[in-house]
Amino acid sequence: VQLQASGGGLVQAGGSLRLSCAASGRTLDRHAMAWFRQAPGKEREFVSAISWGGDSTYYADSVKGRFTISRDNAKNTMYLQMNSLKPEDTAVYYCAAKNSRVETIVRWGRVGIDYWGKGTLVTVSS
């Protein structure tokens, strides 16, 4: 499976971006999916996760109320709508998939992730 993240770019504070993560190779049947991000000089951190059916979603406190995760299994694609962006949201955003319940991503973070995308850079200017 290959994951390809796209949609990053440069945006002013308060603006919006929509990231996409397209999976190819095979369908991600029963895989939970997630977004992580890594700012310069910092560890990769959890942003948001979604269950296979899309009925359960989770967010880091820092993005709650501003970001919305979704997925379209027919298109094998996951999305992250990012609104009210802040300079501290600047990072490389990575999509990930795990053949497990979404709660395991929330609990264990990067541990046990089966597939990673290459990342897309989001830069928020003040």
C-alpha atoms as a PDB file:
ATOM      1  CA  VAL A   1       0.000   0.000   0.000  1.00  0.00           C
ATOM      2  CA  GLN A   2       1.211   3.488  -0.839  1.00  0.00           C
ATOM      3  CA  LEU A   3      -0.177   6.579   0.828  1.00  0.00           C
ATOM      4  CA  GLN A   4       0.185   9.940  -0.889  1.00  0.00           C
ATOM      5  CA  ALA A   5      -0.584  13.099   1.045  1.00  0.00           C
ATOM      6  CA  SER A   6      -1.305  16.329  -0.812  1.00  0.00           C
ATOM      7  CA  GLY A   7      -2.879  19.734  -0.317  1.00  0.00           C
ATOM      8  CA  GLY A   8      -0.238  21.438   1.769  1.00  0.00           C
ATOM      9  CA  GLY A   9       0.964  24.944   1.077  1.00  0.00           C
ATOM     10  CA  LEU A  10       1.497  28.425   2.425  1.00  0.00           C
ATOM     11  CA  VAL A  11      -1.447  30.151   4.081  1.00  0.00           C
ATOM     12  CA  GLN A  12      -1.922  33.154   6.325  1.00  0.00           C
ATOM     13  CA  ALA A  13      -3.017  32.767   9.916  1.00  0.00           C
ATOM     14  CA  GLY A  14      -6.761  32.335  10.075  1.00  0.00           C
ATOM     15  CA  GLY A  15      -6.884  30.689   6.688  1.00  0.00           C
ATOM     16  CA  SER A  16      -7.879  27.186   5.654  1.00  0.00           C
ATOM     17  CA  LEU A  17      -6.383  24.215   3.851  1.00  0.00           C
ATOM     18  CA  ARG A  18      -7.701  20.777   2.965  1.00  0.00           C
ATOM     19  CA  LEU A  19      -5.292  17.883   2.983  1.00  0.00           C
ATOM     20  CA  SER A  20      -5.932  14.641   1.136  1.00  0.00           C
ATOM     21  CA  CYS A  21      -4.401  11.216   1.548  1.00  0.00           C
ATOM     22  CA  ALA A  22      -4.919   8.805  -1.320  1.00  0.00           C
ATOM     23  CA  ALA A  23      -4.182   5.117  -0.904  1.00  0.00           C
ATOM     24  CA  SER A  24      -3.108   2.924  -3.783  1.00  0.00           C
ATOM     25  CA  GLY A  25      -2.049  -0.660  -4.151  1.00  0.00           C
ATOM     26  CA  ARG A  26      -5.036  -2.116  -2.413  1.00  0.00           C
ATOM     27  CA  THR A  27      -8.014  -1.004  -0.403  1.00  0.00           C
ATOM     28  CA  LEU A  28      -7.451  -0.274   3.256  1.00  0.00           C
ATOM     29  CA  ASP A  29     -10.122  -2.648   4.408  1.00  0.00           C
ATOM     30  CA  ARG A  30     -10.652  -2.423   8.173  1.00  0.00           C
ATOM     31  CA  HIS A  31      -7.790   0.040   8.578  1.00  0.00           C
ATOM     32  CA  ALA A  32      -8.100   3.028  10.831  1.00  0.00           C
ATOM     33  CA  MET A  33      -6.377   6.117   9.441  1.00  0.00           C
ATOM     34  CA  ALA A  34      -4.769   9.134  10.988  1.00  0.00           C
ATOM     35  CA  TRP A  35      -2.884  12.355  10.503  1.00  0.00           C
ATOM     36  CA  PHE A  36       0.327  13.151  12.326  1.00  0.00           C
ATOM     37  CA  ARG A  37       2.541  16.190  12.017  1.00  0.00           C
ATOM     38  CA  GLN A  38       6.148  17.068  12.664  1.00  0.00           C
ATOM     39  CA  ALA A  39       7.366  20.594  13.177  1.00  0.00           C
ATOM     40  CA  PRO A  40      11.059  21.465  12.772  1.00  0.00           C
ATOM     41  CA  GLY A  41      13.063  20.218  15.709  1.00  0.00           C
ATOM     42  CA  LYS A  42      10.107  18.417  17.262  1.00  0.00           C
ATOM     43  CA  GLU A  43       8.834  14.886  17.460  1.00  0.00           C
ATOM     44  CA  ARG A  44       6.086  13.631  15.187  1.00  0.00           C
ATOM     45  CA  GLU A  45       2.797  14.112  17.005  1.00  0.00           C
ATOM     46  CA  PHE A  46      -0.738  12.834  16.677  1.00  0.00           C
ATOM     47  CA  VAL A  47      -3.256  15.203  15.091  1.00  0.00           C
ATOM     48  CA  SER A  48      -6.400  13.234  14.308  1.00  0.00           C
ATOM     49  CA  ALA A  49      -7.682   9.724  13.627  1.00  0.00           C
ATOM     50  CA  ILE A  50     -10.732   8.118  12.083  1.00  0.00           C
ATOM     51  CA  SER A  51     -12.175   4.632  12.217  1.00  0.00           C
ATOM     52  CA  TRP A  52     -12.634   2.398   9.184  1.00  0.00           C
ATOM     53  CA  GLY A  53     -16.342   3.236   8.962  1.00  0.00           C
ATOM     54  CA  GLY A  54     -15.807   6.909   9.708  1.00  0.00           C
ATOM     55  CA  ASP A  55     -18.128   6.839  12.715  1.00  0.00           C
ATOM     56  CA  SER A  56     -15.417   7.478  15.300  1.00  0.00           C
ATOM     57  CA  THR A  57     -13.057  10.436  15.142  1.00  0.00           C
ATOM     58  CA  TYR A  58     -10.462  11.758  17.541  1.00  0.00           C
ATOM     59  CA  TYR A  59      -8.470  14.965  17.704  1.00  0.00           C
ATOM     60  CA  ALA A  60      -5.506  16.347  19.568  1.00  0.00           C
ATOM     61  CA  ASP A  61      -6.566  19.105  21.953  1.00  0.00           C
ATOM     62  CA  SER A  62      -4.519  21.617  19.982  1.00  0.00           C
ATOM     63  CA  VAL A  63      -6.672  21.186  16.853  1.00  0.00           C
ATOM     64  CA  LYS A  64     -10.064  20.311  18.323  1.00  0.00           C
ATOM     65  CA  GLY A  65     -12.789  22.561  16.955  1.00  0.00           C
ATOM     66  CA  ARG A  66     -10.613  23.738  14.048  1.00  0.00           C
ATOM     67  CA  PHE A  67      -9.763  20.550  12.132  1.00  0.00           C
ATOM     68  CA  THR A  68     -12.146  17.949  10.731  1.00  0.00           C
ATOM     69  CA  ILE A  69     -11.096  14.497   9.596  1.00  0.00           C
ATOM     70  CA  SER A  70     -13.120  12.437   7.137  1.00  0.00           C
ATOM     71  CA  ARG A  71     -12.692   9.576   4.687  1.00  0.00           C
ATOM     72  CA  ASP A  72     -14.292   8.253   1.523  1.00  0.00           C
ATOM     73  CA  ASN A  73     -13.667   4.521   1.357  1.00  0.00           C
ATOM     74  CA  ALA A  74     -15.087   4.291  -2.155  1.00  0.00           C
ATOM     75  CA  LYS A  75     -12.266   6.589  -3.254  1.00  0.00           C
ATOM     76  CA  ASN A  76      -9.705   5.116  -0.835  1.00  0.00           C
ATOM     77  CA  THR A  77      -9.029   8.642   0.374  1.00  0.00           C
ATOM     78  CA  MET A  78      -8.867  10.445   3.705  1.00  0.00           C
ATOM     79  CA  TYR A  79      -9.142  14.189   4.253  1.00  0.00           C
ATOM     80  CA  LEU A  80      -8.226  16.779   6.854  1.00  0.00           C
ATOM     81  CA  GLN A  81     -10.059  20.094   6.671  1.00  0.00           C
ATOM     82  CA  MET A  82      -8.018  22.648   8.574  1.00  0.00           C
ATOM     83  CA  ASN A  83      -9.651  25.959   9.483  1.00  0.00           C
ATOM     84  CA  SER A  84      -8.526  28.905  11.603  1.00  0.00           C
ATOM     85  CA  LEU A  85      -4.918  27.944  11.037  1.00  0.00           C
ATOM     86  CA  LYS A  86      -2.274  29.231  13.410  1.00  0.00           C
ATOM     87  CA  PRO A  87       1.478  29.645  12.944  1.00  0.00           C
ATOM     88  CA  GLU A  88       1.983  26.797  15.422  1.00  0.00           C
ATOM     89  CA  ASP A  89       0.217  24.479  12.952  1.00  0.00           C
ATOM     90  CA  THR A  90       3.231  24.797  10.660  1.00  0.00           C
ATOM     91  CA  ALA A  91       4.617  21.302  10.103  1.00  0.00           C
ATOM     92  CA  VAL A  92       4.955  18.440   7.684  1.00  0.00           C
ATOM     93  CA  TYR A  93       1.710  16.502   7.830  1.00  0.00           C
ATOM     94  CA  TYR A  94       1.811  12.735   7.410  1.00  0.00           C
ATOM     95  CA  CYS A  95      -1.048  10.369   6.814  1.00  0.00           C
ATOM     96  CA  ALA A  96      -0.997   6.900   8.279  1.00  0.00           C
ATOM     97  CA  ALA A  97      -2.985   3.686   8.258  1.00  0.00           C
ATOM     98  CA  LYS A  98      -3.195   0.899  10.795  1.00  0.00           C
ATOM     99  CA  ASN A  99      -4.956  -2.446  10.572  1.00  0.00           C
ATOM    100  CA  SER A 100      -6.589  -2.047  13.950  1.00  0.00           C
ATOM    101  CA  ARG A 101      -9.233  -0.170  15.873  1.00  0.00           C
ATOM    102  CA  VAL A 102      -8.852   3.587  15.803  1.00  0.00           C
ATOM    103  CA  GLU A 103      -8.566   3.666  19.598  1.00  0.00           C
ATOM    104  CA  THR A 104      -5.171   1.960  19.336  1.00  0.00           C
ATOM    105  CA  ILE A 105      -3.836   4.906  17.347  1.00  0.00           C
ATOM    106  CA  VAL A 106      -5.131   7.322  19.953  1.00  0.00           C
ATOM    107  CA  ARG A 107      -3.526   5.274  22.724  1.00  0.00           C
ATOM    108  CA  TRP A 108      -0.238   4.255  21.099  1.00  0.00           C
ATOM    109  CA  GLY A 109       0.360   7.024  18.580  1.00  0.00           C
ATOM    110  CA  ARG A 110       3.050   6.197  16.045  1.00  0.00           C
ATOM    111  CA  VAL A 111       3.673   2.731  17.495  1.00  0.00           C
ATOM    112  CA  GLY A 112       2.369  -0.054  15.286  1.00  0.00           C
ATOM    113  CA  ILE A 113       1.430   2.091  12.293  1.00  0.00           C
ATOM    114  CA  ASP A 114       1.401  -0.147   9.208  1.00  0.00           C
ATOM    115  CA  TYR A 115       1.689   2.455   6.454  1.00  0.00           C
ATOM    116  CA  TRP A 116       3.002   6.029   6.273  1.00  0.00           C
ATOM    117  CA  GLY A 117       2.645   8.603   3.539  1.00  0.00           C
ATOM    118  CA  LYS A 118       5.567  10.851   2.601  1.00  0.00           C
ATOM    119  CA  GLY A 119       4.094  14.025   4.046  1.00  0.00           C
ATOM    120  CA  THR A 120       2.964  17.399   2.822  1.00  0.00           C
ATOM    121  CA  LEU A 121       4.267  20.718   4.154  1.00  0.00           C
ATOM    122  CA  VAL A 122       1.881  23.206   5.712  1.00  0.00           C
ATOM    123  CA  THR A 123       3.246  26.659   6.446  1.00  0.00           C
ATOM    124  CA  VAL A 124       1.127  29.212   8.289  1.00  0.00           C
ATOM    125  CA  SER A 125       2.417  32.763   8.280  1.00  0.00           C
ATOM    126  CA  SER A 126       1.561  35.275  10.998  1.00  0.00           C
END
